[in-house]
């Protein structure tokens, strides 16, 4: 590959970058489970249930009683580098949570079919988001 008058360096499309990150973050089903449980703990969950089929190869479900998210936060959580833990560079020195990089959900969604149902305690309706291969397939208000 040599220079032929055009640019060689380019920014990868989001879906390709997410698949690369998926290899780093969610290379195995147990890594997905670990990341999702850490998200539950960071959300203040006291009860977490995990259901898996085929050692996590075909199905993983993590449910918790954490603080939940509103619709905007739920959608944003699937973007790369989206986090509630860091606002400024100094925050990197004070992190006391499990997940902070904002990679896990975007990476998981890049290589799987994800369904998230979440609700803030003070809200009557929750949100259901379905993502397949980083593409939002459904975003709906739901009773939960």
N, C-alpha and C. Protein backbone atom coordinates (compact mmCIF):
# COMPACT_ATOMS: atom_id res chain seq x y z
N UNK A 1 0.85 -1.17 0.00
CA UNK A 1 0.00 0.00 0.00
C UNK A 1 0.90 1.23 0.00
N UNK A 2 0.85 2.00 -1.02
CA UNK A 2 1.69 3.18 -1.12
C UNK A 2 0.87 4.41 -1.40
N UNK A 3 1.54 5.53 -1.38
CA UNK A 3 0.87 6.79 -1.63
C UNK A 3 0.60 6.93 -3.11
N UNK A 4 -0.63 7.26 -3.44
CA UNK A 4 -1.01 7.43 -4.84
C UNK A 4 -1.75 8.74 -5.04
N UNK A 5 -1.32 9.74 -4.33
CA UNK A 5 -1.92 11.06 -4.50
C UNK A 5 -3.12 11.32 -3.62
N UNK A 6 -3.69 10.30 -3.01
CA UNK A 6 -4.84 10.49 -2.14
C UNK A 6 -4.46 10.30 -0.69
N UNK A 7 -5.38 10.61 0.16
CA UNK A 7 -5.13 10.47 1.60
C UNK A 7 -5.14 9.00 1.99
N UNK A 8 -4.19 8.61 2.81
CA UNK A 8 -4.13 7.24 3.32
C UNK A 8 -4.80 7.11 4.68
N UNK A 9 -4.78 8.17 5.45
CA UNK A 9 -5.34 8.15 6.79
C UNK A 9 -6.78 8.61 6.73
N UNK A 10 -7.65 7.87 7.39
CA UNK A 10 -9.07 8.25 7.42
C UNK A 10 -9.67 7.85 8.75
N UNK A 11 -10.77 8.44 9.08
CA UNK A 11 -11.52 8.11 10.28
C UNK A 11 -12.43 6.94 9.94
N UNK A 12 -12.37 5.91 10.76
CA UNK A 12 -13.22 4.74 10.53
C UNK A 12 -14.68 5.08 10.79
N UNK A 13 -15.57 4.49 10.00
CA UNK A 13 -16.99 4.64 10.31
C UNK A 13 -17.29 4.06 11.70
N UNK A 14 -18.29 4.61 12.36
CA UNK A 14 -18.62 4.22 13.73
C UNK A 14 -18.83 2.71 13.87
N UNK A 15 -19.54 2.09 12.93
CA UNK A 15 -19.82 0.66 13.08
C UNK A 15 -18.55 -0.19 13.00
N UNK A 16 -17.55 0.23 12.26
CA UNK A 16 -16.29 -0.51 12.20
C UNK A 16 -15.49 -0.27 13.48
N UNK A 17 -15.44 0.97 13.95
CA UNK A 17 -14.73 1.27 15.20
C UNK A 17 -15.34 0.50 16.36
N UNK A 18 -16.67 0.39 16.39
CA UNK A 18 -17.33 -0.35 17.46
C UNK A 18 -16.97 -1.83 17.42
N UNK A 19 -16.83 -2.40 16.23
CA UNK A 19 -16.48 -3.82 16.13
C UNK A 19 -15.05 -4.05 16.60
N UNK A 20 -14.16 -3.12 16.32
CA UNK A 20 -12.78 -3.23 16.82
C UNK A 20 -12.78 -3.16 18.34
N UNK A 21 -13.50 -2.20 18.89
CA UNK A 21 -13.59 -2.06 20.35
C UNK A 21 -14.24 -3.30 20.95
N UNK A 22 -15.18 -3.91 20.26
CA UNK A 22 -15.84 -5.11 20.77
C UNK A 22 -14.82 -6.22 20.98
N UNK A 23 -13.86 -6.32 20.11
CA UNK A 23 -12.82 -7.33 20.28
C UNK A 23 -11.99 -7.10 21.52
N UNK A 24 -11.84 -5.83 21.92
CA UNK A 24 -11.08 -5.49 23.11
C UNK A 24 -11.89 -5.66 24.38
N UNK A 25 -13.18 -5.35 24.31
CA UNK A 25 -14.01 -5.29 25.51
C UNK A 25 -14.82 -6.57 25.73
N UNK A 26 -15.34 -7.15 24.67
CA UNK A 26 -16.27 -8.27 24.82
C UNK A 26 -15.85 -9.46 23.97
N UNK A 27 -14.63 -9.86 24.09
CA UNK A 27 -14.12 -10.98 23.31
C UNK A 27 -14.75 -12.31 23.67
N UNK A 28 -15.27 -12.43 24.89
CA UNK A 28 -15.87 -13.69 25.34
C UNK A 28 -17.16 -13.37 26.09
N UNK A 29 -18.11 -14.32 26.11
CA UNK A 29 -19.38 -14.07 26.82
C UNK A 29 -19.18 -13.67 28.29
N UNK A 30 -18.20 -14.26 28.96
CA UNK A 30 -18.01 -13.90 30.37
C UNK A 30 -17.58 -12.44 30.52
N UNK A 31 -16.92 -11.90 29.51
CA UNK A 31 -16.55 -10.48 29.55
C UNK A 31 -17.80 -9.60 29.45
N UNK A 32 -18.77 -10.03 28.64
CA UNK A 32 -20.03 -9.29 28.52
C UNK A 32 -20.74 -9.31 29.88
N UNK A 33 -20.83 -10.48 30.48
CA UNK A 33 -21.50 -10.60 31.78
C UNK A 33 -20.81 -9.72 32.82
N UNK A 34 -19.48 -9.75 32.85
CA UNK A 34 -18.72 -8.92 33.79
C UNK A 34 -19.04 -7.44 33.59
N UNK A 35 -19.01 -6.99 32.35
CA UNK A 35 -19.28 -5.57 32.06
C UNK A 35 -20.71 -5.19 32.49
N UNK A 36 -21.68 -6.04 32.21
CA UNK A 36 -23.07 -5.72 32.55
C UNK A 36 -23.29 -5.73 34.06
N UNK A 37 -22.66 -6.66 34.77
CA UNK A 37 -22.77 -6.68 36.23
C UNK A 37 -22.11 -5.44 36.82
N UNK A 38 -20.97 -5.04 36.28
CA UNK A 38 -20.32 -3.82 36.77
C UNK A 38 -21.22 -2.61 36.55
N UNK A 39 -21.92 -2.55 35.41
CA UNK A 39 -22.87 -1.45 35.19
C UNK A 39 -23.97 -1.47 36.25
N UNK A 40 -24.47 -2.67 36.57
CA UNK A 40 -25.50 -2.80 37.60
C UNK A 40 -25.00 -2.29 38.94
N UNK A 41 -23.79 -2.70 39.31
CA UNK A 41 -23.22 -2.26 40.59
C UNK A 41 -23.02 -0.74 40.61
N UNK A 42 -22.54 -0.19 39.50
CA UNK A 42 -22.35 1.26 39.43
C UNK A 42 -23.68 2.01 39.53
N UNK A 43 -24.79 1.35 39.13
CA UNK A 43 -26.11 1.96 39.21
C UNK A 43 -26.74 1.76 40.59
N UNK A 44 -25.97 1.21 41.53
CA UNK A 44 -26.45 1.06 42.90
C UNK A 44 -27.33 -0.16 43.13
N UNK A 45 -27.28 -1.15 42.25
CA UNK A 45 -28.13 -2.33 42.41
C UNK A 45 -27.78 -3.11 43.65
N UNK A 46 -28.81 -3.58 44.36
CA UNK A 46 -28.60 -4.51 45.48
C UNK A 46 -28.94 -5.93 45.07
N UNK A 47 -29.77 -6.07 44.05
CA UNK A 47 -30.16 -7.38 43.54
C UNK A 47 -29.86 -7.45 42.05
N UNK A 48 -29.11 -8.46 41.66
CA UNK A 48 -28.75 -8.65 40.25
C UNK A 48 -29.02 -10.11 39.91
N UNK A 49 -29.75 -10.35 38.82
CA UNK A 49 -29.94 -11.73 38.37
C UNK A 49 -29.33 -11.87 36.98
N UNK A 50 -28.72 -13.02 36.74
CA UNK A 50 -28.09 -13.30 35.46
C UNK A 50 -28.66 -14.61 34.93
N UNK A 51 -29.11 -14.60 33.68
CA UNK A 51 -29.59 -15.80 33.00
C UNK A 51 -28.77 -15.95 31.73
N UNK A 52 -28.25 -17.16 31.51
CA UNK A 52 -27.48 -17.40 30.29
C UNK A 52 -27.93 -18.71 29.64
N UNK A 53 -27.80 -18.79 28.36
CA UNK A 53 -28.01 -20.02 27.59
C UNK A 53 -26.74 -20.30 26.80
N UNK A 54 -26.43 -21.54 26.61
CA UNK A 54 -25.26 -21.95 25.82
C UNK A 54 -23.99 -21.25 26.28
N UNK A 55 -23.78 -21.22 27.59
CA UNK A 55 -22.60 -20.58 28.19
C UNK A 55 -22.45 -19.12 27.75
N UNK A 56 -23.59 -18.48 27.47
CA UNK A 56 -23.58 -17.08 27.07
C UNK A 56 -23.40 -16.86 25.59
N UNK A 57 -23.26 -17.92 24.83
CA UNK A 57 -23.05 -17.79 23.38
C UNK A 57 -24.32 -17.34 22.66
N UNK A 58 -25.51 -17.77 23.14
CA UNK A 58 -26.74 -17.42 22.44
C UNK A 58 -27.63 -16.46 23.21
N UNK A 59 -27.44 -16.35 24.54
CA UNK A 59 -28.35 -15.50 25.31
C UNK A 59 -27.71 -15.13 26.63
N UNK A 60 -27.77 -13.84 26.95
CA UNK A 60 -27.36 -13.33 28.25
C UNK A 60 -28.40 -12.31 28.68
N UNK A 61 -28.88 -12.45 29.91
CA UNK A 61 -29.80 -11.46 30.46
C UNK A 61 -29.29 -11.06 31.83
N UNK A 62 -29.16 -9.76 32.04
CA UNK A 62 -28.80 -9.24 33.35
C UNK A 62 -29.90 -8.26 33.76
N UNK A 63 -30.52 -8.53 34.90
CA UNK A 63 -31.58 -7.66 35.42
C UNK A 63 -31.16 -7.20 36.81
N UNK A 64 -31.51 -5.95 37.14
CA UNK A 64 -31.11 -5.42 38.44
C UNK A 64 -32.13 -4.42 38.95
N UNK A 65 -31.94 -4.01 40.19
CA UNK A 65 -32.79 -2.99 40.80
C UNK A 65 -32.03 -1.69 40.99
N UNK A 66 -31.13 -1.40 40.06
CA UNK A 66 -30.35 -0.17 40.10
C UNK A 66 -31.19 1.05 39.78
N UNK A 67 -30.55 2.19 39.67
CA UNK A 67 -31.24 3.47 39.52
C UNK A 67 -31.93 3.65 38.18
N UNK A 68 -31.59 2.89 37.17
CA UNK A 68 -32.25 3.03 35.87
C UNK A 68 -31.83 4.29 35.14
N UNK A 69 -32.33 4.42 33.92
CA UNK A 69 -32.00 5.58 33.08
C UNK A 69 -33.25 6.11 32.41
N UNK A 70 -33.22 7.40 32.10
CA UNK A 70 -34.29 7.95 31.28
C UNK A 70 -33.97 7.63 29.81
N UNK A 71 -34.87 7.98 28.92
CA UNK A 71 -34.70 7.62 27.50
C UNK A 71 -33.44 8.22 26.89
N UNK A 72 -33.17 9.48 27.15
CA UNK A 72 -31.99 10.13 26.57
C UNK A 72 -30.70 9.45 27.03
N UNK A 73 -30.61 9.17 28.34
CA UNK A 73 -29.41 8.51 28.86
C UNK A 73 -29.28 7.09 28.33
N UNK A 74 -30.39 6.38 28.22
CA UNK A 74 -30.35 5.01 27.71
C UNK A 74 -29.82 4.99 26.28
N UNK A 75 -30.31 5.89 25.44
CA UNK A 75 -29.82 5.96 24.06
C UNK A 75 -28.35 6.36 24.02
N UNK A 76 -27.98 7.35 24.82
CA UNK A 76 -26.60 7.83 24.85
C UNK A 76 -25.64 6.75 25.34
N UNK A 77 -26.11 5.86 26.20
CA UNK A 77 -25.23 4.85 26.78
C UNK A 77 -24.66 3.89 25.73
N UNK A 78 -25.26 3.83 24.56
CA UNK A 78 -24.77 2.96 23.49
C UNK A 78 -23.77 3.67 22.56
N UNK A 79 -23.46 4.92 22.84
CA UNK A 79 -22.47 5.65 22.04
C UNK A 79 -21.09 5.40 22.63
N UNK A 80 -20.08 5.33 21.78
CA UNK A 80 -18.72 5.14 22.28
C UNK A 80 -18.28 6.34 23.11
N UNK A 81 -17.57 6.06 24.15
CA UNK A 81 -17.01 7.06 25.06
C UNK A 81 -18.09 7.86 25.78
N UNK A 82 -19.30 7.32 25.86
CA UNK A 82 -20.36 7.97 26.63
C UNK A 82 -20.28 7.44 28.06
N UNK A 83 -20.18 8.34 29.02
CA UNK A 83 -20.04 7.92 30.42
C UNK A 83 -20.62 8.99 31.34
N UNK A 84 -21.08 8.54 32.48
CA UNK A 84 -21.56 9.48 33.50
C UNK A 84 -20.48 9.72 34.54
N UNK A 85 -19.34 9.08 34.39
CA UNK A 85 -18.32 9.10 35.44
C UNK A 85 -17.25 10.17 35.25
N UNK A 86 -17.06 10.67 34.04
CA UNK A 86 -15.96 11.59 33.76
C UNK A 86 -16.49 12.85 33.09
N UNK A 87 -16.14 13.99 33.64
CA UNK A 87 -16.49 15.27 33.03
C UNK A 87 -15.26 16.06 32.63
N UNK A 88 -14.18 15.86 33.39
CA UNK A 88 -12.94 16.57 33.12
C UNK A 88 -11.77 15.63 33.38
N UNK A 89 -10.60 16.00 32.90
CA UNK A 89 -9.43 15.13 32.99
C UNK A 89 -9.10 14.74 34.42
N UNK A 90 -9.32 15.64 35.37
CA UNK A 90 -9.01 15.36 36.77
C UNK A 90 -9.84 14.21 37.32
N UNK A 91 -11.03 13.99 36.73
CA UNK A 91 -11.89 12.90 37.18
C UNK A 91 -11.22 11.54 37.02
N UNK A 92 -10.28 11.43 36.09
CA UNK A 92 -9.58 10.16 35.88
C UNK A 92 -8.81 9.73 37.13
N UNK A 93 -8.41 10.69 37.95
CA UNK A 93 -7.66 10.39 39.17
C UNK A 93 -8.58 10.02 40.33
N UNK A 94 -9.90 10.26 40.17
CA UNK A 94 -10.84 10.06 41.28
C UNK A 94 -11.87 8.97 41.01
N UNK A 95 -11.71 8.18 40.00
CA UNK A 95 -12.71 7.18 39.65
C UNK A 95 -12.79 6.11 40.72
N UNK A 96 -13.98 5.87 41.21
CA UNK A 96 -14.21 4.85 42.23
C UNK A 96 -15.33 3.90 41.79
N UNK A 97 -15.50 3.74 40.50
CA UNK A 97 -16.54 2.87 39.95
C UNK A 97 -15.89 1.80 39.09
N UNK A 98 -16.68 0.82 38.68
CA UNK A 98 -16.15 -0.25 37.85
C UNK A 98 -16.00 0.20 36.40
N UNK A 99 -17.09 0.63 35.80
CA UNK A 99 -17.04 1.03 34.40
C UNK A 99 -16.95 2.53 34.28
N UNK A 100 -16.10 3.01 33.40
CA UNK A 100 -16.02 4.46 33.22
C UNK A 100 -15.67 4.85 31.79
N UNK A 101 -15.15 3.92 30.98
CA UNK A 101 -14.66 4.29 29.65
C UNK A 101 -15.77 4.54 28.65
N UNK A 102 -16.96 4.01 28.91
CA UNK A 102 -18.05 4.20 27.97
C UNK A 102 -17.89 3.36 26.73
N UNK A 103 -17.28 2.20 26.83
CA UNK A 103 -17.05 1.33 25.68
C UNK A 103 -17.96 0.11 25.68
N UNK A 104 -18.35 -0.38 26.84
CA UNK A 104 -18.97 -1.70 26.94
C UNK A 104 -20.25 -1.83 26.14
N UNK A 105 -21.23 -0.97 26.38
CA UNK A 105 -22.51 -1.15 25.68
C UNK A 105 -22.39 -0.95 24.18
N UNK A 106 -21.61 0.02 23.76
CA UNK A 106 -21.41 0.22 22.31
C UNK A 106 -20.75 -1.00 21.70
N UNK A 107 -19.79 -1.56 22.40
CA UNK A 107 -19.07 -2.74 21.89
C UNK A 107 -19.96 -3.97 21.86
N UNK A 108 -20.73 -4.17 22.90
CA UNK A 108 -21.64 -5.31 22.94
C UNK A 108 -22.66 -5.19 21.81
N UNK A 109 -23.22 -4.00 21.63
CA UNK A 109 -24.23 -3.79 20.59
C UNK A 109 -23.65 -3.95 19.18
N UNK A 110 -22.36 -3.73 19.02
CA UNK A 110 -21.73 -3.84 17.70
C UNK A 110 -21.69 -5.27 17.20
N UNK A 111 -21.68 -6.23 18.12
CA UNK A 111 -21.50 -7.63 17.71
C UNK A 111 -22.65 -8.53 18.14
N UNK A 112 -23.77 -7.94 18.54
CA UNK A 112 -24.87 -8.78 19.01
C UNK A 112 -26.20 -8.06 18.83
N UNK A 113 -27.25 -8.73 19.28
CA UNK A 113 -28.57 -8.13 19.34
C UNK A 113 -28.84 -7.80 20.80
N UNK A 114 -29.05 -6.54 21.08
CA UNK A 114 -29.19 -6.08 22.46
C UNK A 114 -30.59 -5.52 22.66
N UNK A 115 -31.15 -5.86 23.80
CA UNK A 115 -32.43 -5.29 24.21
C UNK A 115 -32.24 -4.73 25.61
N UNK A 116 -32.51 -3.44 25.76
CA UNK A 116 -32.41 -2.80 27.08
C UNK A 116 -33.77 -2.28 27.46
N UNK A 117 -34.18 -2.64 28.67
CA UNK A 117 -35.41 -2.08 29.23
C UNK A 117 -35.00 -1.42 30.54
N UNK A 118 -35.30 -0.14 30.68
CA UNK A 118 -34.87 0.59 31.87
C UNK A 118 -35.91 1.65 32.23
N UNK A 119 -35.93 2.01 33.51
CA UNK A 119 -36.86 3.04 33.98
C UNK A 119 -36.31 3.67 35.25
N UNK A 120 -36.38 4.97 35.32
CA UNK A 120 -36.07 5.68 36.56
C UNK A 120 -37.23 5.47 37.52
N UNK A 121 -36.95 5.35 38.79
CA UNK A 121 -38.00 5.06 39.78
C UNK A 121 -39.12 6.10 39.75
N UNK A 122 -38.77 7.35 39.53
CA UNK A 122 -39.77 8.42 39.57
C UNK A 122 -40.60 8.53 38.29
N UNK A 123 -40.28 7.77 37.27
CA UNK A 123 -41.02 7.82 36.01
C UNK A 123 -42.01 6.66 35.93
N UNK A 124 -43.17 6.95 35.38
CA UNK A 124 -44.21 5.91 35.25
C UNK A 124 -43.86 4.92 34.14
N UNK A 125 -43.39 5.43 33.01
CA UNK A 125 -43.04 4.57 31.88
C UNK A 125 -41.53 4.44 31.76
N UNK A 126 -41.12 3.29 31.31
CA UNK A 126 -39.71 3.07 31.03
C UNK A 126 -39.47 3.15 29.54
N UNK A 127 -38.30 2.73 29.12
CA UNK A 127 -37.94 2.75 27.71
C UNK A 127 -37.41 1.37 27.32
N UNK A 128 -37.76 0.95 26.13
CA UNK A 128 -37.24 -0.28 25.55
C UNK A 128 -36.45 0.11 24.31
N UNK A 129 -35.19 -0.31 24.28
CA UNK A 129 -34.33 -0.03 23.13
C UNK A 129 -33.81 -1.37 22.61
N UNK A 130 -33.97 -1.59 21.31
CA UNK A 130 -33.43 -2.79 20.67
C UNK A 130 -32.41 -2.34 19.64
N UNK A 131 -31.22 -2.91 19.73
CA UNK A 131 -30.13 -2.56 18.82
C UNK A 131 -29.54 -3.85 18.26
N UNK A 132 -29.36 -3.88 16.96
CA UNK A 132 -28.72 -5.03 16.29
C UNK A 132 -27.55 -4.49 15.48
N UNK A 133 -26.36 -4.95 15.81
CA UNK A 133 -25.18 -4.52 15.06
C UNK A 133 -25.00 -3.01 15.06
N UNK A 134 -25.19 -2.37 16.19
CA UNK A 134 -25.06 -0.92 16.40
C UNK A 134 -26.18 -0.09 15.79
N UNK A 135 -27.16 -0.72 15.18
CA UNK A 135 -28.27 0.02 14.56
C UNK A 135 -29.51 -0.09 15.44
N UNK A 136 -30.08 1.06 15.79
CA UNK A 136 -31.29 1.07 16.61
C UNK A 136 -32.46 0.55 15.78
N UNK A 137 -33.07 -0.51 16.27
CA UNK A 137 -34.21 -1.14 15.59
C UNK A 137 -35.53 -0.73 16.22
N UNK A 138 -35.49 -0.43 17.53
CA UNK A 138 -36.72 -0.04 18.23
C UNK A 138 -36.35 0.85 19.41
N UNK A 139 -37.18 1.86 19.62
CA UNK A 139 -37.05 2.75 20.76
C UNK A 139 -38.48 3.10 21.15
N UNK A 140 -38.96 2.54 22.25
CA UNK A 140 -40.35 2.72 22.61
C UNK A 140 -40.52 2.93 24.11
N UNK A 141 -41.56 3.65 24.49
CA UNK A 141 -41.95 3.77 25.88
C UNK A 141 -42.70 2.50 26.25
N UNK A 142 -42.41 1.96 27.46
CA UNK A 142 -43.04 0.72 27.90
C UNK A 142 -43.41 0.79 29.37
N UNK A 143 -44.42 0.01 29.72
CA UNK A 143 -44.78 -0.17 31.11
C UNK A 143 -43.80 -1.16 31.71
N UNK A 144 -43.30 -0.86 32.90
CA UNK A 144 -42.38 -1.82 33.51
C UNK A 144 -42.62 -1.95 34.98
